[in-house]
Each structure stands twice: as structure tokens, then as C-alpha cells.
Amino acid sequence: MSTSRLTVAVLGPGGVGGLIGALLARAGHRVLCLAGQDTADALRRDGLTVRSGRYGQFTLPVEADTVLREPVDACLITVKATALAPALDRVDRDALGSGLVVPLLNGIEHLDLLRERYPAEQVAAATIRVEATRVAPGQIEHTSPFAAVELAGHTALRDRLDGFAEHLRGAGLDVTLRDDETAMLWDKLVFLAPFALLTTRHRTDIGGVRTEQRQELLTVIREITAVARATGAPADADAVLAFFDRAPATMKSSMQRDAEAGRSIELDAIAGAVLRTAEAHDLATPATARLVAELAGG
């Protein structure tokens, strides 16, 4: 990987991809956004605009296309899990070259798909904690005080991840490198799944969940941390609850925002993965399963 200016593709320049793409562009890197024709046209014309309490308001030009046509240093996969399979048609394996594949998706099951499609040694595991929303093509609102990325990978070369992490830090992101990708992915999911399920089901923000639905929150956290521990991840229910209690009260989950906008929700990728793992380890998760059933039923 280049030690100076990178070429980074962003597959799905929505809230997460648009924010990171804009920050990388502001740091001097070349950013190629991959999206549908209308979004690509808007990005070529107007660039990416970010409004953020942490990063300020700025607009930067980016390149945009419907498919990847040249090798890149890294390709960020930032589409919704519900759109992952068709979106990958925009990134041909041969066009990718030796670029890192860095999926910032919710859930834990997408890595198998990506490592079957692209060279496994190029696919990292990654997570992000952030509240960022695309309000229109190329228009990103970042509303959380944090934007924290974690990277790991049994297969991706560690020195390449080290270099990419430094570039992300240089763009203003908080970045941590982890040795255990299973622990890393579950660290996020044990927070995200209760957050997404309860805010969406009760149509409230995280402040409402941790006060008005606290007992249900505790039950779901305990169920999901037990599932995580069964996989070998060192999940701790008290630590998850403490993160809930520290989070800004007005914070909403992306699943909740999608439901409010009438979009498909990532119910299967987030909570379905928990239930499938629980079943594989013969663990009961009745409160989590009830919430999934209620949300699946509309």
C-alpha cells in the first residue's frame, strides 16, 4: 500500500461511506465512489458535503462511477447488508487488483461471502461506531460525537492494515487494530443488536430505551452476551450496559431510521445472525426472538 496518497473506492457512499470518503478526500486521498447512476451523477456534479459537530461543514469533489474500473489501494464496503449481494457486482475481482477489502457492515456473517468472492488474504474484518445519515445523494449528516473504526483479520496482512489505519487516523477517525476478529465483531454486535431492536420496536431513542425499557434492555443484553461468549468472545453485559448509559440520549439506530423512512431494515443481518448463532450453541434467547418476530411482522 502506498505510504502517501491512496486511491480508495467507496462502495455505497451513504452515511458511513460518505463520511469516510469525504474525510479521506479532505486529507488529500483520491476517492472513487461507486453507486447507482443517479447518485454517481450527483456526486460528480456536487461532490460530498458533510455537516458534523466534530468535523465541521465542508464540501469536497470526488470521482464517481457505477463500477470499479481500475485497481485501488482499498475498497470500503459500506452498503446496507440488505443490498450487499447485488452491490458487489460493482466491484469485479480482477478490477480490484491487490486492494484491501474493508467491509464496514452490520452483523458478522458477511465476511464469509466476501472471502469467497475476493482473495481471502485481502479481506479485513472491520467495524465502525458512528451515527451518520445520508439525507440526499452526497449530503451526509454526522450526529454522534464519535466515529470509531476497528480493524482486524486472520487473513489480511497486518502491515497493510497498519498502514491503512494510519491513513484513517490522519483523516480524523479514531482507529484501533485488534488481534481477534471474532471478539471485535461481537463487541459491536452485543451493543448494536439490543440498540437496533429496542429503538426500532419502541420507536424511541437510546435515552428512552435505557429509561422506559430498561428491564427489557437488560434481558436482551444478557441473552446476546451469552451467545457471544459461546463463540469465544469475551462479552460482558455490565460493560455493554455502561456503554448504553454513556451514549448521547438522542442517539437513534440506523435500523430505526430505515424503518421510519420506509426502507428495508437489516433485521436478518443484525438479529438473525444472533439467533442463528444461539441455535448453533443450543442457547435460548426468548426476549431477542420475540423482538425479531414483532419487527418481522411489521
Protein backbone atom coordinates (compact mmCIF):
# COMPACT_ATOMS: atom_id res chain seq x y z
CA MET A 1 0.00 0.00 0.00
CA SER A 2 1.22 3.47 -0.85
CA THR A 3 2.67 5.43 2.05
CA SER A 4 1.40 8.76 0.75
CA ARG A 5 -1.69 9.38 -1.34
CA LEU A 6 -4.13 6.48 -1.51
CA THR A 7 -6.76 5.62 -4.07
CA VAL A 8 -9.79 4.39 -2.13
CA ALA A 9 -13.05 3.12 -3.59
CA VAL A 10 -16.22 3.53 -1.53
CA LEU A 11 -18.95 1.07 -2.44
CA GLY A 12 -22.12 2.69 -1.14
CA PRO A 13 -21.41 6.35 -0.29
CA GLY A 14 -24.24 6.67 2.23
CA GLY A 15 -23.94 7.85 5.82
CA VAL A 16 -20.88 5.81 6.75
CA GLY A 17 -19.23 5.59 3.33
CA GLY A 18 -19.92 9.21 2.51
CA LEU A 19 -18.46 10.42 5.79
CA ILE A 20 -15.27 8.37 5.50
CA GLY A 21 -14.90 9.15 1.81
CA ALA A 22 -15.21 12.87 2.47
CA LEU A 23 -12.71 12.74 5.33
CA LEU A 24 -10.21 10.83 3.20
CA ALA A 25 -10.68 13.29 0.34
CA ARG A 26 -10.13 16.19 2.72
CA ALA A 27 -6.90 14.51 3.85
CA GLY A 28 -5.68 14.52 0.24
CA HIS A 29 -6.52 11.00 -0.90
CA ARG A 30 -8.20 10.07 -4.17
CA VAL A 31 -11.73 8.80 -3.54
CA LEU A 32 -13.81 6.84 -6.07
CA CYS A 33 -17.47 6.50 -5.07
CA LEU A 34 -19.36 3.54 -6.56
CA ALA A 35 -23.14 3.83 -6.71
CA GLY A 36 -26.17 3.80 -8.98
CA GLN A 37 -26.22 6.10 -11.98
CA ASP A 38 -28.28 8.90 -10.38
CA THR A 39 -26.14 9.01 -7.25
CA ALA A 40 -22.92 8.84 -9.27
CA ASP A 41 -24.09 11.75 -11.43
CA ALA A 42 -24.95 13.81 -8.33
CA LEU A 43 -21.56 13.09 -6.75
CA ARG A 44 -19.65 14.01 -9.90
CA ARG A 45 -21.61 17.25 -10.11
CA ASP A 46 -21.79 18.31 -6.46
CA GLY A 47 -19.19 16.28 -4.57
CA LEU A 48 -19.65 15.16 -0.96
CA THR A 49 -20.94 17.55 1.69
CA VAL A 50 -20.55 16.76 5.40
CA ARG A 51 -22.28 18.52 8.27
CA SER A 52 -20.78 17.43 11.57
CA GLY A 53 -20.35 18.78 15.08
CA ARG A 54 -16.97 17.05 15.23
CA TYR A 55 -15.60 17.68 11.74
CA GLY A 56 -17.42 20.87 10.78
CA GLN A 57 -19.20 21.54 7.49
CA PHE A 58 -17.36 21.11 4.21
CA THR A 59 -17.79 20.05 0.60
CA LEU A 60 -15.18 18.23 -1.46
CA PRO A 61 -15.10 16.93 -5.04
CA VAL A 62 -14.88 13.16 -5.53
CA GLU A 63 -14.85 10.85 -8.51
CA ALA A 64 -17.87 8.62 -9.01
CA ASP A 65 -18.84 5.71 -11.24
CA THR A 66 -21.25 2.79 -11.35
CA VAL A 67 -18.50 0.13 -11.36
CA LEU A 68 -14.84 -0.12 -10.38
CA ARG A 69 -12.66 0.16 -13.49
CA GLU A 70 -9.13 0.19 -12.03
CA PRO A 71 -7.10 -1.25 -9.14
CA VAL A 72 -7.28 0.61 -5.82
CA ASP A 73 -5.35 0.57 -2.56
CA ALA A 74 -8.51 -0.22 -0.63
CA CYS A 75 -12.22 -0.66 -1.21
CA LEU A 76 -14.58 0.25 1.61
CA ILE A 77 -17.80 -1.80 1.52
CA THR A 78 -20.38 0.46 3.15
CA VAL A 79 -23.70 -0.59 1.65
CA LYS A 80 -26.54 -1.90 3.78
CA ALA A 81 -26.41 -5.64 4.38
CA THR A 82 -29.74 -5.95 2.56
CA ALA A 83 -28.08 -4.62 -0.62
CA LEU A 84 -24.71 -6.36 -0.32
CA ALA A 85 -25.01 -9.16 -2.89
CA PRO A 86 -26.11 -7.04 -5.87
CA ALA A 87 -23.80 -4.18 -4.88
CA LEU A 88 -20.75 -6.44 -5.14
CA ASP A 89 -21.35 -6.67 -8.89
CA ARG A 90 -19.91 -3.13 -9.00
CA VAL A 91 -16.53 -4.42 -7.78
CA ASP A 92 -15.10 -7.10 -10.04
CA ARG A 93 -12.36 -9.23 -8.53
CA ASP A 94 -9.98 -8.54 -11.41
CA ALA A 95 -10.61 -4.79 -11.33
CA LEU A 96 -9.88 -4.70 -7.59
CA GLY A 97 -6.31 -5.84 -8.09
CA SER A 98 -4.44 -6.27 -4.82
CA GLY A 99 -6.54 -3.73 -2.93
CA LEU A 100 -7.70 -4.32 0.63
CA VAL A 101 -11.40 -5.04 1.06
CA VAL A 102 -12.67 -3.33 4.21
CA PRO A 103 -16.35 -4.07 4.98
CA LEU A 104 -17.99 -1.68 7.44
CA LEU A 105 -21.24 -3.62 7.58
CA ASN A 106 -23.50 -4.56 10.43
CA GLY A 107 -23.55 -8.20 11.51
CA ILE A 108 -20.97 -10.98 11.45
CA GLU A 109 -21.81 -13.24 8.50
CA HIS A 110 -20.73 -11.10 5.54
CA LEU A 111 -17.04 -11.98 5.85
CA ASP A 112 -17.59 -15.50 4.53
CA LEU A 113 -19.28 -14.10 1.42
CA LEU A 114 -16.51 -11.56 0.80
CA ARG A 115 -13.71 -14.09 1.33
CA GLU A 116 -15.33 -16.39 -1.21
CA ARG A 117 -15.64 -13.61 -3.78
CA TYR A 118 -12.26 -11.88 -3.32
CA PRO A 119 -8.80 -13.18 -2.33
CA ALA A 120 -9.20 -14.03 1.36
CA GLU A 121 -5.83 -12.51 2.26
CA GLN A 122 -7.12 -9.12 1.06
CA VAL A 123 -10.34 -9.09 3.12
CA ALA A 124 -10.11 -7.48 6.54
CA ALA A 125 -12.67 -7.53 9.31
CA ALA A 126 -13.81 -4.08 10.38
CA THR A 127 -16.44 -2.30 12.45
CA ILE A 128 -17.47 1.30 12.94
CA ARG A 129 -19.36 3.06 15.71
CA VAL A 130 -20.92 6.22 14.36
CA GLU A 131 -24.24 7.94 13.78
CA ALA A 132 -24.17 9.30 10.24
CA THR A 133 -27.01 9.60 7.76
CA ARG A 134 -27.28 10.33 4.05
CA VAL A 135 -30.09 12.88 3.77
CA ALA A 136 -29.71 13.21 -0.02
CA PRO A 137 -27.15 11.95 -2.57
CA GLY A 138 -23.78 13.28 -1.42
CA GLN A 139 -25.28 15.01 1.64
CA ILE A 140 -24.07 13.49 4.93
CA GLU A 141 -25.09 14.44 8.46
CA HIS A 142 -22.77 13.15 11.19
CA THR A 143 -24.57 13.49 14.53
CA SER A 144 -22.54 11.42 17.02
CA PRO A 145 -19.52 12.86 18.83
CA PHE A 146 -17.54 9.76 17.83
CA ALA A 147 -16.51 7.94 14.65
CA ALA A 148 -14.54 4.91 15.79
CA VAL A 149 -13.20 2.24 13.43
CA GLU A 150 -11.72 -1.11 14.45
CA LEU A 151 -9.75 -3.36 12.09
CA ALA A 152 -8.68 -6.99 12.39
CA GLY A 153 -8.23 -10.01 10.20
CA HIS A 154 -6.90 -13.53 10.23
CA THR A 155 -6.20 -13.27 6.53
CA ALA A 156 -5.42 -9.64 5.67
CA LEU A 157 -1.75 -8.79 6.02
CA ARG A 158 -1.15 -6.97 9.29
CA ASP A 159 1.36 -4.49 7.88
CA ARG A 160 -1.18 -3.42 5.24
CA LEU A 161 -3.80 -2.92 7.94
CA ASP A 162 -1.32 -0.93 10.00
CA GLY A 163 -0.68 1.38 7.06
CA PHE A 164 -4.36 1.81 6.23
CA ALA A 165 -5.16 2.52 9.87
CA GLU A 166 -2.62 5.34 9.90
CA HIS A 167 -4.26 6.92 6.86
CA LEU A 168 -7.69 6.70 8.51
CA ARG A 169 -6.29 8.32 11.66
CA GLY A 170 -4.75 11.03 9.53
CA ALA A 171 -8.21 11.73 8.13
CA GLY A 172 -9.57 12.26 11.65
CA LEU A 173 -11.08 8.88 12.53
CA ASP A 174 -10.45 7.03 15.79
CA VAL A 175 -8.89 3.71 14.75
CA THR A 176 -7.97 0.62 16.76
CA LEU A 177 -6.26 -2.52 15.47
CA ARG A 178 -7.45 -5.78 17.03
CA ASP A 179 -5.89 -9.25 17.04
CA ASP A 180 -9.15 -11.23 17.40
CA GLU A 181 -11.71 -10.51 14.70
CA THR A 182 -14.39 -12.69 16.35
CA ALA A 183 -14.16 -10.72 19.58
CA MET A 184 -14.14 -7.45 17.65
CA LEU A 185 -17.27 -8.26 15.64
CA TRP A 186 -19.19 -9.44 18.69
CA ASP A 187 -18.08 -6.41 20.71
CA LYS A 188 -20.10 -4.33 18.29
CA LEU A 189 -22.99 -6.74 17.86
CA VAL A 190 -23.69 -7.13 21.58
CA PHE A 191 -24.36 -3.38 21.65
CA LEU A 192 -25.84 -2.94 18.19
CA ALA A 193 -28.43 -5.72 18.32
CA PRO A 194 -30.17 -4.53 21.52
CA PHE A 195 -29.84 -0.91 20.36
CA ALA A 196 -31.35 -1.60 16.93
CA LEU A 197 -34.09 -3.94 18.12
CA LEU A 198 -35.32 -1.84 21.03
CA THR A 199 -35.13 1.61 19.44
CA THR A 200 -36.92 0.32 16.33
CA ARG A 201 -39.54 -1.72 18.18
CA HIS A 202 -40.39 1.04 20.67
CA ARG A 203 -39.85 3.95 18.25
CA THR A 204 -37.66 5.86 20.65
CA ASP A 205 -34.05 6.97 21.00
CA ILE A 206 -31.42 5.37 23.18
CA GLY A 207 -32.39 7.61 26.11
CA GLY A 208 -35.95 6.29 26.00
CA VAL A 209 -34.76 2.69 25.79
CA ARG A 210 -32.41 2.90 28.78
CA THR A 211 -35.06 4.51 30.99
CA GLU A 212 -38.52 3.34 29.87
CA GLN A 213 -37.46 -0.11 28.58
CA ARG A 214 -34.57 -0.78 30.95
CA GLN A 215 -35.61 -4.22 32.17
CA GLU A 216 -36.17 -5.46 28.63
CA LEU A 217 -32.83 -3.92 27.64
CA LEU A 218 -31.05 -5.79 30.45
CA THR A 219 -32.67 -9.07 29.45
CA VAL A 220 -31.72 -8.75 25.79
CA ILE A 221 -28.16 -7.69 26.61
CA ARG A 222 -27.74 -10.73 28.86
CA GLU A 223 -29.08 -13.06 26.17
CA ILE A 224 -26.83 -11.69 23.45
CA THR A 225 -23.68 -11.52 25.57
CA ALA A 226 -24.23 -15.18 26.48
CA VAL A 227 -24.34 -16.01 22.77
CA ALA A 228 -21.17 -14.01 22.17
CA ARG A 229 -19.34 -15.80 24.97
CA ALA A 230 -20.32 -19.14 23.44
CA THR A 231 -18.32 -18.17 20.33
CA GLY A 232 -15.27 -17.37 22.44
CA ALA A 233 -15.76 -13.59 22.52
CA PRO A 234 -15.19 -12.08 25.99
CA ALA A 235 -18.51 -10.20 26.12
CA ASP A 236 -19.55 -8.53 29.37
CA ALA A 237 -23.17 -7.50 29.98
CA ASP A 238 -22.25 -4.81 32.52
CA ALA A 239 -19.81 -3.20 30.08
CA VAL A 240 -22.46 -3.16 27.34
CA LEU A 241 -24.98 -1.54 29.68
CA ALA A 242 -22.39 1.04 30.71
CA PHE A 243 -21.91 1.98 27.04
CA PHE A 244 -25.70 2.41 26.71
CA ASP A 245 -25.71 4.69 29.72
CA ARG A 246 -22.86 6.84 28.36
CA ALA A 247 -24.26 7.27 24.85
CA PRO A 248 -25.97 10.56 23.88
CA ALA A 249 -29.64 10.26 24.87
CA THR A 250 -30.91 11.36 21.44
CA MET A 251 -28.95 8.72 19.52
CA LYS A 252 -31.02 6.59 17.13
CA SER A 253 -30.09 3.32 15.45
CA SER A 254 -29.72 3.05 11.69
CA MET A 255 -32.37 0.32 11.74
CA GLN A 256 -34.78 2.74 13.39
CA ARG A 257 -34.02 5.45 10.83
CA ASP A 258 -34.55 2.99 7.99
CA ALA A 259 -37.88 1.88 9.47
CA GLU A 260 -39.01 5.49 9.89
CA ALA A 261 -38.15 6.19 6.25
CA GLY A 262 -39.95 3.09 4.99
CA ARG A 263 -36.73 1.41 3.86
CA SER A 264 -35.79 -2.25 4.29
CA ILE A 265 -34.25 -2.92 7.68
CA GLU A 266 -31.18 -5.04 8.45
CA LEU A 267 -33.11 -7.31 10.79
CA ASP A 268 -31.66 -10.56 9.49
CA ALA A 269 -28.05 -9.37 9.29
CA ILE A 270 -28.10 -7.98 12.84
CA ALA A 271 -30.55 -10.04 14.89
CA GLY A 272 -30.93 -13.04 12.61
CA ALA A 273 -27.21 -13.67 12.99
CA VAL A 274 -27.61 -13.65 16.77
CA LEU A 275 -30.47 -16.14 16.66
CA ARG A 276 -28.66 -18.48 14.27
CA THR A 277 -25.57 -18.46 16.46
CA ALA A 278 -27.69 -19.07 19.56
CA GLU A 279 -29.33 -22.05 17.90
CA ALA A 280 -25.94 -23.46 16.86
CA HIS A 281 -24.85 -23.34 20.51
CA ASP A 282 -28.21 -24.55 21.89
CA LEU A 283 -28.86 -21.31 23.76
CA ALA A 284 -32.31 -19.88 24.47
CA THR A 285 -32.88 -16.21 23.54
CA PRO A 286 -36.64 -15.73 24.05
CA ALA A 287 -36.67 -11.93 24.51
CA THR A 288 -34.49 -11.37 21.45
CA ALA A 289 -36.53 -13.81 19.36
CA ARG A 290 -39.77 -12.08 20.39
CA LEU A 291 -38.49 -8.69 19.29
CA VAL A 292 -37.32 -10.12 15.97
CA ALA A 293 -40.73 -11.71 15.39
CA GLU A 294 -42.56 -8.49 16.23
CA LEU A 295 -40.39 -6.44 13.89
CA ALA A 296 -40.59 -9.03 11.12
CA GLY A 297 -44.37 -8.91 11.38
CA GLY A 298 -44.37 -5.18 10.74
